[in-house]
Amino acid sequence: MIFVVEQPDAGAARAWFAYNDDDFLSKVCAQDPLPEWEVFDVATPRELLELTERTPESPDARSACPAICALADAHGWDAPLYRADHLLGAGHFRPEPISALDAGMAALTQRGGQWRIYGNEEVAMAAIGQPDPLYDAPTGWRARWALREQLIAVEALADDC
């Protein structure tokens, strides 16, 4: 499980969890102003071209879709390309892998406030008692408490601790 603590610039802290990277990305996308495919996507130039109802053999492919054809020229028609607009900028694709987790974290960062993301229960439980600028701030106890309550809710922590 992945545990997330968010402290918005204004408002109450909250904590939530995701079962895995894909669930994390899905939950991030549900609250993001960008469509899911702009937050994170993996596509080949061929797949992108097919969205325009063309193939690489279409006579007007190069004139109608020069950017897609340039990606194909640089990387091949079937090379997976990664998009994460919050991380790379709007509409940029690159061949180096980007994980769903990294794309989701970049989306959260764009929202402002402070965020803590823990990759598993053990790390999240340890964070409850560790020094942290967020939790140690004058009202940071609310964020620490939100994490504690989330850990209790998923039965990772006993409620009498």
N, C-alpha and C. Protein backbone atom coordinates (compact mmCIF):
# COMPACT_ATOMS: atom_id res chain seq x y z
N MET A 1 0.83 -1.19 0.00
CA MET A 1 0.00 0.00 0.00
C MET A 1 0.87 1.25 0.00
N ILE A 2 0.34 2.28 -0.59
CA ILE A 2 0.98 3.59 -0.61
C ILE A 2 0.12 4.50 0.26
N PHE A 3 0.75 5.23 1.15
CA PHE A 3 0.03 6.15 2.02
C PHE A 3 0.41 7.58 1.67
N VAL A 4 -0.59 8.45 1.61
CA VAL A 4 -0.39 9.84 1.22
C VAL A 4 -0.96 10.74 2.29
N VAL A 5 -0.18 11.73 2.68
CA VAL A 5 -0.65 12.78 3.59
C VAL A 5 -0.57 14.08 2.82
N GLU A 6 -1.67 14.81 2.82
CA GLU A 6 -1.68 16.10 2.16
C GLU A 6 -2.06 17.20 3.14
N GLN A 7 -1.31 18.26 3.10
CA GLN A 7 -1.60 19.45 3.89
C GLN A 7 -1.72 20.60 2.90
N PRO A 8 -2.96 20.94 2.53
CA PRO A 8 -3.14 22.04 1.57
C PRO A 8 -2.68 23.37 2.19
N ASP A 9 -2.43 24.34 1.33
CA ASP A 9 -2.04 25.66 1.82
C ASP A 9 -3.12 26.25 2.72
N ALA A 10 -4.36 25.94 2.42
CA ALA A 10 -5.48 26.37 3.27
C ALA A 10 -6.40 25.17 3.43
N GLY A 11 -6.78 24.87 4.66
CA GLY A 11 -7.68 23.76 4.89
C GLY A 11 -7.06 22.67 5.73
N ALA A 12 -7.86 21.67 5.98
CA ALA A 12 -7.45 20.59 6.88
C ALA A 12 -6.58 19.56 6.17
N ALA A 13 -5.68 18.99 6.93
CA ALA A 13 -4.85 17.89 6.44
C ALA A 13 -5.72 16.66 6.27
N ARG A 14 -5.32 15.81 5.34
CA ARG A 14 -6.01 14.53 5.19
C ARG A 14 -5.01 13.50 4.74
N ALA A 15 -5.35 12.25 4.96
CA ALA A 15 -4.51 11.14 4.54
C ALA A 15 -5.37 10.14 3.78
N TRP A 16 -4.76 9.45 2.85
CA TRP A 16 -5.45 8.42 2.09
C TRP A 16 -4.43 7.38 1.65
N PHE A 17 -4.93 6.28 1.12
CA PHE A 17 -4.03 5.22 0.69
C PHE A 17 -4.42 4.75 -0.70
N ALA A 18 -3.48 4.09 -1.34
CA ALA A 18 -3.71 3.43 -2.61
C ALA A 18 -3.11 2.02 -2.50
N TYR A 19 -3.72 1.09 -3.18
CA TYR A 19 -3.24 -0.29 -3.11
C TYR A 19 -1.91 -0.48 -3.82
N ASN A 20 -1.70 0.26 -4.93
CA ASN A 20 -0.48 0.11 -5.72
C ASN A 20 -0.29 1.36 -6.57
N ASP A 21 0.71 1.35 -7.43
CA ASP A 21 1.01 2.53 -8.25
C ASP A 21 -0.16 2.91 -9.16
N ASP A 22 -0.80 1.92 -9.77
CA ASP A 22 -1.92 2.22 -10.67
C ASP A 22 -3.10 2.81 -9.92
N ASP A 23 -3.39 2.28 -8.74
CA ASP A 23 -4.47 2.82 -7.92
C ASP A 23 -4.13 4.24 -7.46
N PHE A 24 -2.87 4.46 -7.11
CA PHE A 24 -2.42 5.80 -6.72
C PHE A 24 -2.66 6.78 -7.87
N LEU A 25 -2.22 6.41 -9.07
CA LEU A 25 -2.40 7.29 -10.22
C LEU A 25 -3.88 7.55 -10.49
N SER A 26 -4.69 6.52 -10.39
CA SER A 26 -6.13 6.67 -10.61
C SER A 26 -6.73 7.67 -9.63
N LYS A 27 -6.35 7.58 -8.37
CA LYS A 27 -6.89 8.50 -7.35
C LYS A 27 -6.37 9.92 -7.56
N VAL A 28 -5.14 10.06 -7.97
CA VAL A 28 -4.59 11.39 -8.28
C VAL A 28 -5.34 11.99 -9.46
N CYS A 29 -5.53 11.20 -10.51
CA CYS A 29 -6.20 11.69 -11.72
C CYS A 29 -7.65 12.09 -11.46
N ALA A 30 -8.29 11.41 -10.54
CA ALA A 30 -9.70 11.72 -10.23
C ALA A 30 -9.85 13.14 -9.71
N GLN A 31 -8.79 13.71 -9.14
CA GLN A 31 -8.85 15.06 -8.59
C GLN A 31 -8.02 16.07 -9.38
N ASP A 32 -7.49 15.67 -10.52
CA ASP A 32 -6.62 16.54 -11.29
C ASP A 32 -7.39 17.26 -12.39
N PRO A 33 -7.03 18.50 -12.67
CA PRO A 33 -7.73 19.21 -13.75
C PRO A 33 -7.40 18.68 -15.14
N LEU A 34 -6.27 18.00 -15.29
CA LEU A 34 -5.90 17.45 -16.59
C LEU A 34 -6.57 16.09 -16.80
N PRO A 35 -6.82 15.73 -18.05
CA PRO A 35 -7.31 14.38 -18.33
C PRO A 35 -6.23 13.37 -17.93
N GLU A 36 -6.65 12.16 -17.63
CA GLU A 36 -5.72 11.13 -17.16
C GLU A 36 -4.56 10.92 -18.12
N TRP A 37 -4.83 10.93 -19.42
CA TRP A 37 -3.77 10.68 -20.40
C TRP A 37 -2.76 11.82 -20.46
N GLU A 38 -3.07 12.99 -19.93
CA GLU A 38 -2.09 14.07 -19.84
C GLU A 38 -1.28 13.97 -18.55
N VAL A 39 -1.88 13.40 -17.52
CA VAL A 39 -1.15 13.18 -16.27
C VAL A 39 -0.11 12.09 -16.47
N PHE A 40 -0.50 11.01 -17.16
CA PHE A 40 0.44 9.92 -17.45
C PHE A 40 -0.08 9.09 -18.61
N ASP A 41 0.83 8.80 -19.53
CA ASP A 41 0.47 7.95 -20.66
C ASP A 41 1.73 7.31 -21.22
N VAL A 42 1.54 6.16 -21.80
CA VAL A 42 2.58 5.47 -22.57
C VAL A 42 1.94 5.10 -23.90
N ALA A 43 2.54 5.57 -24.99
CA ALA A 43 1.98 5.30 -26.31
C ALA A 43 3.12 5.26 -27.32
N THR A 44 2.90 4.53 -28.38
CA THR A 44 3.87 4.52 -29.48
C THR A 44 3.45 5.57 -30.50
N PRO A 45 4.38 6.04 -31.33
CA PRO A 45 3.97 6.96 -32.39
C PRO A 45 2.87 6.35 -33.29
N ARG A 46 2.94 5.05 -33.53
CA ARG A 46 1.91 4.40 -34.34
C ARG A 46 0.52 4.54 -33.68
N GLU A 47 0.48 4.32 -32.37
CA GLU A 47 -0.80 4.46 -31.65
C GLU A 47 -1.30 5.89 -31.68
N LEU A 48 -0.39 6.84 -31.55
CA LEU A 48 -0.79 8.25 -31.61
C LEU A 48 -1.35 8.59 -32.98
N LEU A 49 -0.70 8.09 -34.01
CA LEU A 49 -1.17 8.36 -35.37
C LEU A 49 -2.53 7.71 -35.62
N GLU A 50 -2.74 6.53 -35.07
CA GLU A 50 -4.03 5.84 -35.23
C GLU A 50 -5.18 6.65 -34.62
N LEU A 51 -4.88 7.47 -33.62
CA LEU A 51 -5.91 8.33 -33.03
C LEU A 51 -6.46 9.33 -34.04
N THR A 52 -5.68 9.61 -35.07
CA THR A 52 -6.12 10.52 -36.13
C THR A 52 -6.70 9.76 -37.33
N GLU A 53 -6.89 8.44 -37.13
CA GLU A 53 -7.42 7.56 -38.17
C GLU A 53 -6.50 7.48 -39.38
N ARG A 54 -5.19 7.51 -39.10
CA ARG A 54 -4.18 7.38 -40.14
C ARG A 54 -3.22 6.26 -39.75
N THR A 55 -2.48 5.79 -40.71
CA THR A 55 -1.40 4.83 -40.49
C THR A 55 -0.11 5.47 -41.03
N PRO A 56 1.04 4.88 -40.72
CA PRO A 56 2.27 5.43 -41.29
C PRO A 56 2.26 5.44 -42.83
N GLU A 57 1.47 4.57 -43.42
CA GLU A 57 1.39 4.50 -44.88
C GLU A 57 0.40 5.50 -45.47
N SER A 58 -0.39 6.16 -44.65
CA SER A 58 -1.37 7.13 -45.17
C SER A 58 -0.64 8.23 -45.94
N PRO A 59 -1.14 8.60 -47.10
CA PRO A 59 -0.43 9.59 -47.93
C PRO A 59 -0.31 10.97 -47.26
N ASP A 60 -1.24 11.30 -46.40
CA ASP A 60 -1.19 12.63 -45.77
C ASP A 60 -0.67 12.60 -44.33
N ALA A 61 -0.12 11.47 -43.91
CA ALA A 61 0.32 11.34 -42.51
C ALA A 61 1.36 12.40 -42.15
N ARG A 62 2.37 12.57 -42.97
CA ARG A 62 3.44 13.52 -42.64
C ARG A 62 2.97 14.97 -42.67
N SER A 63 2.10 15.31 -43.58
CA SER A 63 1.63 16.71 -43.64
C SER A 63 0.60 16.99 -42.56
N ALA A 64 -0.22 16.01 -42.23
CA ALA A 64 -1.27 16.23 -41.24
C ALA A 64 -0.76 16.08 -39.81
N CYS A 65 0.26 15.25 -39.59
CA CYS A 65 0.74 14.95 -38.24
C CYS A 65 2.27 15.01 -38.19
N PRO A 66 2.86 16.16 -38.43
CA PRO A 66 4.32 16.23 -38.49
C PRO A 66 5.00 15.92 -37.15
N ALA A 67 4.40 16.29 -36.05
CA ALA A 67 5.03 16.04 -34.74
C ALA A 67 5.06 14.54 -34.44
N ILE A 68 3.99 13.84 -34.74
CA ILE A 68 3.96 12.40 -34.52
C ILE A 68 4.97 11.70 -35.42
N CYS A 69 5.04 12.13 -36.66
CA CYS A 69 6.01 11.53 -37.59
C CYS A 69 7.44 11.84 -37.16
N ALA A 70 7.67 13.00 -36.59
CA ALA A 70 9.01 13.32 -36.09
C ALA A 70 9.38 12.41 -34.92
N LEU A 71 8.41 12.12 -34.05
CA LEU A 71 8.66 11.17 -32.96
C LEU A 71 9.01 9.80 -33.53
N ALA A 72 8.28 9.37 -34.56
CA ALA A 72 8.55 8.07 -35.19
C ALA A 72 9.92 8.06 -35.84
N ASP A 73 10.28 9.16 -36.50
CA ASP A 73 11.60 9.23 -37.14
C ASP A 73 12.71 9.13 -36.10
N ALA A 74 12.50 9.74 -34.95
CA ALA A 74 13.53 9.77 -33.91
C ALA A 74 13.60 8.46 -33.12
N HIS A 75 12.45 7.80 -32.92
CA HIS A 75 12.42 6.66 -31.99
C HIS A 75 11.87 5.37 -32.59
N GLY A 76 11.27 5.44 -33.77
CA GLY A 76 10.64 4.27 -34.37
C GLY A 76 9.14 4.29 -34.13
N TRP A 77 8.41 3.67 -35.03
CA TRP A 77 6.95 3.68 -34.94
C TRP A 77 6.41 2.90 -33.74
N ASP A 78 7.16 1.94 -33.26
CA ASP A 78 6.64 1.08 -32.19
C ASP A 78 7.38 1.25 -30.86
N ALA A 79 8.13 2.32 -30.72
CA ALA A 79 8.83 2.58 -29.46
C ALA A 79 7.86 3.18 -28.45
N PRO A 80 7.84 2.64 -27.23
CA PRO A 80 6.98 3.26 -26.21
C PRO A 80 7.54 4.62 -25.81
N LEU A 81 6.67 5.61 -25.78
CA LEU A 81 7.03 6.96 -25.37
C LEU A 81 6.18 7.34 -24.17
N TYR A 82 6.77 8.08 -23.26
CA TYR A 82 6.12 8.40 -21.98
C TYR A 82 5.73 9.87 -21.95
N ARG A 83 4.53 10.11 -21.42
CA ARG A 83 4.02 11.47 -21.28
C ARG A 83 3.60 11.66 -19.83
N ALA A 84 3.99 12.78 -19.26
CA ALA A 84 3.58 13.18 -17.91
C ALA A 84 3.66 14.70 -17.88
N ASP A 85 2.56 15.36 -18.24
CA ASP A 85 2.58 16.80 -18.44
C ASP A 85 3.02 17.58 -17.21
N HIS A 86 2.67 17.13 -16.02
CA HIS A 86 3.10 17.84 -14.81
C HIS A 86 4.60 17.72 -14.60
N LEU A 87 5.19 16.72 -15.18
CA LEU A 87 6.63 16.47 -15.01
C LEU A 87 7.44 17.01 -16.20
N LEU A 88 6.94 16.83 -17.41
CA LEU A 88 7.69 17.16 -18.62
C LEU A 88 7.23 18.42 -19.32
N GLY A 89 6.05 18.90 -19.02
CA GLY A 89 5.46 20.00 -19.76
C GLY A 89 4.39 19.46 -20.68
N ALA A 90 3.50 20.33 -21.08
CA ALA A 90 2.33 19.92 -21.86
C ALA A 90 2.71 19.29 -23.20
N GLY A 91 2.22 18.09 -23.42
CA GLY A 91 2.35 17.42 -24.70
C GLY A 91 3.70 16.83 -25.04
N HIS A 92 4.63 16.79 -24.09
CA HIS A 92 5.96 16.25 -24.37
C HIS A 92 5.99 14.74 -24.13
N PHE A 93 6.62 14.05 -25.06
CA PHE A 93 6.85 12.61 -24.95
C PHE A 93 8.35 12.38 -24.90
N ARG A 94 8.75 11.33 -24.18
CA ARG A 94 10.17 10.97 -24.15
C ARG A 94 10.30 9.45 -24.08
N PRO A 95 11.42 8.92 -24.58
CA PRO A 95 11.58 7.46 -24.57
C PRO A 95 12.01 6.91 -23.21
N GLU A 96 12.60 7.74 -22.35
CA GLU A 96 13.02 7.26 -21.04
C GLU A 96 11.78 7.01 -20.17
N PRO A 97 11.74 5.86 -19.52
CA PRO A 97 10.56 5.52 -18.72
C PRO A 97 10.26 6.51 -17.60
N ILE A 98 8.99 6.71 -17.39
CA ILE A 98 8.45 7.47 -16.27
C ILE A 98 7.47 6.53 -15.60
N SER A 99 7.54 6.44 -14.29
CA SER A 99 6.60 5.56 -13.60
C SER A 99 5.29 6.29 -13.32
N ALA A 100 4.24 5.52 -13.14
CA ALA A 100 2.94 6.08 -12.76
C ALA A 100 3.07 6.82 -11.43
N LEU A 101 3.87 6.28 -10.54
CA LEU A 101 4.08 6.91 -9.23
C LEU A 101 4.74 8.28 -9.38
N ASP A 102 5.78 8.37 -10.21
CA ASP A 102 6.45 9.66 -10.42
C ASP A 102 5.52 10.68 -11.07
N ALA A 103 4.74 10.23 -12.04
CA ALA A 103 3.80 11.13 -12.70
C ALA A 103 2.74 11.62 -11.71
N GLY A 104 2.25 10.72 -10.87
CA GLY A 104 1.26 11.11 -9.86
C GLY A 104 1.84 12.06 -8.83
N MET A 105 3.07 11.81 -8.41
CA MET A 105 3.70 12.71 -7.43
C MET A 105 3.90 14.10 -8.03
N ALA A 106 4.26 14.17 -9.30
CA ALA A 106 4.41 15.47 -9.95
C ALA A 106 3.07 16.21 -10.01
N ALA A 107 2.00 15.47 -10.26
CA ALA A 107 0.67 16.09 -10.28
C ALA A 107 0.30 16.64 -8.90
N LEU A 108 0.60 15.88 -7.86
CA LEU A 108 0.30 16.36 -6.51
C LEU A 108 1.11 17.61 -6.19
N THR A 109 2.36 17.63 -6.56
CA THR A 109 3.22 18.78 -6.29
C THR A 109 2.67 20.04 -6.94
N GLN A 110 2.10 19.91 -8.13
CA GLN A 110 1.52 21.05 -8.84
C GLN A 110 0.35 21.67 -8.08
N ARG A 111 -0.27 20.92 -7.21
CA ARG A 111 -1.44 21.41 -6.47
C ARG A 111 -1.07 22.34 -5.33
N GLY A 112 0.20 22.37 -4.99
CA GLY A 112 0.64 23.20 -3.87
C GLY A 112 0.46 22.46 -2.56
N GLY A 113 0.70 23.16 -1.48
CA GLY A 113 0.63 22.53 -0.17
C GLY A 113 1.84 21.64 0.05
N GLN A 114 1.74 20.82 1.06
CA GLN A 114 2.80 19.87 1.38
C GLN A 114 2.26 18.45 1.28
N TRP A 115 3.12 17.56 0.85
CA TRP A 115 2.74 16.17 0.62
C TRP A 115 3.79 15.25 1.22
N ARG A 116 3.32 14.15 1.77
CA ARG A 116 4.21 13.06 2.19
C ARG A 116 3.64 11.79 1.59
N ILE A 117 4.51 11.04 0.94
CA ILE A 117 4.09 9.80 0.30
C ILE A 117 4.98 8.69 0.83
N TYR A 118 4.34 7.65 1.36
CA TYR A 118 5.05 6.52 1.96
C TYR A 118 4.73 5.27 1.16
N GLY A 119 5.77 4.56 0.76
CA GLY A 119 5.63 3.41 -0.14
C GLY A 119 5.08 2.15 0.47
N ASN A 120 5.01 2.09 1.81
CA ASN A 120 4.43 0.90 2.44
C ASN A 120 4.05 1.22 3.89
N GLU A 121 3.37 0.27 4.52
CA GLU A 121 2.87 0.47 5.88
C GLU A 121 3.99 0.72 6.88
N GLU A 122 5.08 -0.03 6.75
CA GLU A 122 6.16 0.09 7.72
C GLU A 122 6.76 1.50 7.71
N VAL A 123 6.98 2.03 6.53
CA VAL A 123 7.55 3.38 6.41
C VAL A 123 6.55 4.41 6.94
N ALA A 124 5.29 4.23 6.63
CA ALA A 124 4.26 5.16 7.11
C ALA A 124 4.15 5.11 8.63
N MET A 125 4.18 3.91 9.20
CA MET A 125 4.09 3.80 10.66
C MET A 125 5.31 4.43 11.33
N ALA A 126 6.47 4.24 10.75
CA ALA A 126 7.68 4.84 11.32
C ALA A 126 7.61 6.36 11.25
N ALA A 127 6.98 6.90 10.23
CA ALA A 127 6.90 8.35 10.05
C ALA A 127 6.09 9.03 11.15
N ILE A 128 5.17 8.29 11.75
CA ILE A 128 4.34 8.88 12.81
C ILE A 128 5.19 9.40 13.95
N GLY A 129 6.26 8.69 14.27
CA GLY A 129 7.08 9.08 15.42
C GLY A 129 8.37 9.79 15.07
N GLN A 130 8.62 10.01 13.79
CA GLN A 130 9.87 10.63 13.37
C GLN A 130 9.73 12.15 13.23
N PRO A 131 10.83 12.88 13.46
CA PRO A 131 10.79 14.32 13.21
C PRO A 131 10.52 14.59 11.73
N ASP A 132 9.71 15.59 11.46
CA ASP A 132 9.38 15.97 10.10
C ASP A 132 8.93 17.42 10.13
N PRO A 133 9.44 18.27 9.27
CA PRO A 133 9.05 19.68 9.28
C PRO A 133 7.53 19.89 9.16
N LEU A 134 6.87 19.05 8.39
CA LEU A 134 5.41 19.17 8.27
C LEU A 134 4.74 18.85 9.59
N TYR A 135 5.06 17.71 10.16
CA TYR A 135 4.40 17.27 11.39
C TYR A 135 4.82 18.08 12.61
N ASP A 136 6.02 18.65 12.57
CA ASP A 136 6.54 19.39 13.72
C ASP A 136 6.16 20.86 13.69
N ALA A 137 5.50 21.31 12.64
CA ALA A 137 5.02 22.70 12.57
C ALA A 137 3.91 22.89 13.61
N PRO A 138 3.61 24.14 13.97
CA PRO A 138 2.61 24.38 15.02
C PRO A 138 1.27 23.64 14.83
N THR A 139 0.78 23.55 13.61
CA THR A 139 -0.48 22.81 13.40
C THR A 139 -0.23 21.47 12.69
N GLY A 140 1.02 21.07 12.61
CA GLY A 140 1.36 19.84 11.91
C GLY A 140 0.85 18.57 12.58
N TRP A 141 0.51 18.68 13.84
CA TRP A 141 -0.01 17.50 14.51
C TRP A 141 -1.26 16.97 13.80
N ARG A 142 -2.01 17.85 13.15
CA ARG A 142 -3.21 17.41 12.44
C ARG A 142 -2.85 16.49 11.26
N ALA A 143 -1.77 16.80 10.58
CA ALA A 143 -1.32 15.95 9.47
C ALA A 143 -0.82 14.60 10.01
N ARG A 144 -0.07 14.66 11.10
CA ARG A 144 0.42 13.41 11.71
C ARG A 144 -0.78 12.58 12.18
N TRP A 145 -1.77 13.23 12.76
CA TRP A 145 -2.97 12.54 13.24
C TRP A 145 -3.75 11.93 12.07
N ALA A 146 -3.82 12.64 10.95
CA ALA A 146 -4.52 12.11 9.78
C ALA A 146 -3.85 10.83 9.29
N LEU A 147 -2.52 10.82 9.28
CA LEU A 147 -1.80 9.60 8.89
C LEU A 147 -2.09 8.47 9.87
N ARG A 148 -2.05 8.79 11.15
CA ARG A 148 -2.33 7.78 12.18
C ARG A 148 -3.73 7.20 11.98
N GLU A 149 -4.70 8.05 11.77
CA GLU A 149 -6.08 7.59 11.58
C GLU A 149 -6.21 6.72 10.32
N GLN A 150 -5.50 7.07 9.26
CA GLN A 150 -5.55 6.26 8.05
C GLN A 150 -4.94 4.89 8.29
N LEU A 151 -3.85 4.84 9.02
CA LEU A 151 -3.22 3.55 9.34
C LEU A 151 -4.13 2.69 10.22
N ILE A 152 -4.86 3.31 11.11
CA ILE A 152 -5.84 2.57 11.92
C ILE A 152 -6.96 2.05 11.02
N ALA A 153 -7.43 2.88 10.10
CA ALA A 153 -8.54 2.51 9.22
C ALA A 153 -8.21 1.28 8.36
N VAL A 154 -6.95 1.15 7.96
CA VAL A 154 -6.57 -0.03 7.15
C VAL A 154 -6.02 -1.15 8.02
N GLU A 155 -6.15 -0.98 9.30
CA GLU A 155 -5.74 -1.98 10.31
C GLU A 155 -4.25 -2.28 10.28
N ALA A 156 -3.46 -1.28 9.90
CA ALA A 156 -2.00 -1.43 9.97
C ALA A 156 -1.51 -1.05 11.35
N LEU A 157 -2.32 -0.30 12.07
CA LEU A 157 -1.97 0.18 13.40
C LEU A 157 -3.17 -0.03 14.31
N ALA A 158 -2.91 -0.48 15.51
CA ALA A 158 -4.00 -0.68 16.47
C ALA A 158 -4.48 0.68 16.96
N ASP A 159 -5.78 0.81 17.22
CA ASP A 159 -6.30 2.11 17.61
C ASP A 159 -6.03 2.45 19.07
N ASP A 160 -5.37 1.57 19.81
CA ASP A 160 -5.04 1.90 21.19
C ASP A 160 -3.58 2.34 21.34
N CYS A 161 -2.91 2.61 20.18
CA CYS A 161 -1.50 3.04 20.22
C CYS A 161 -1.41 4.54 20.33
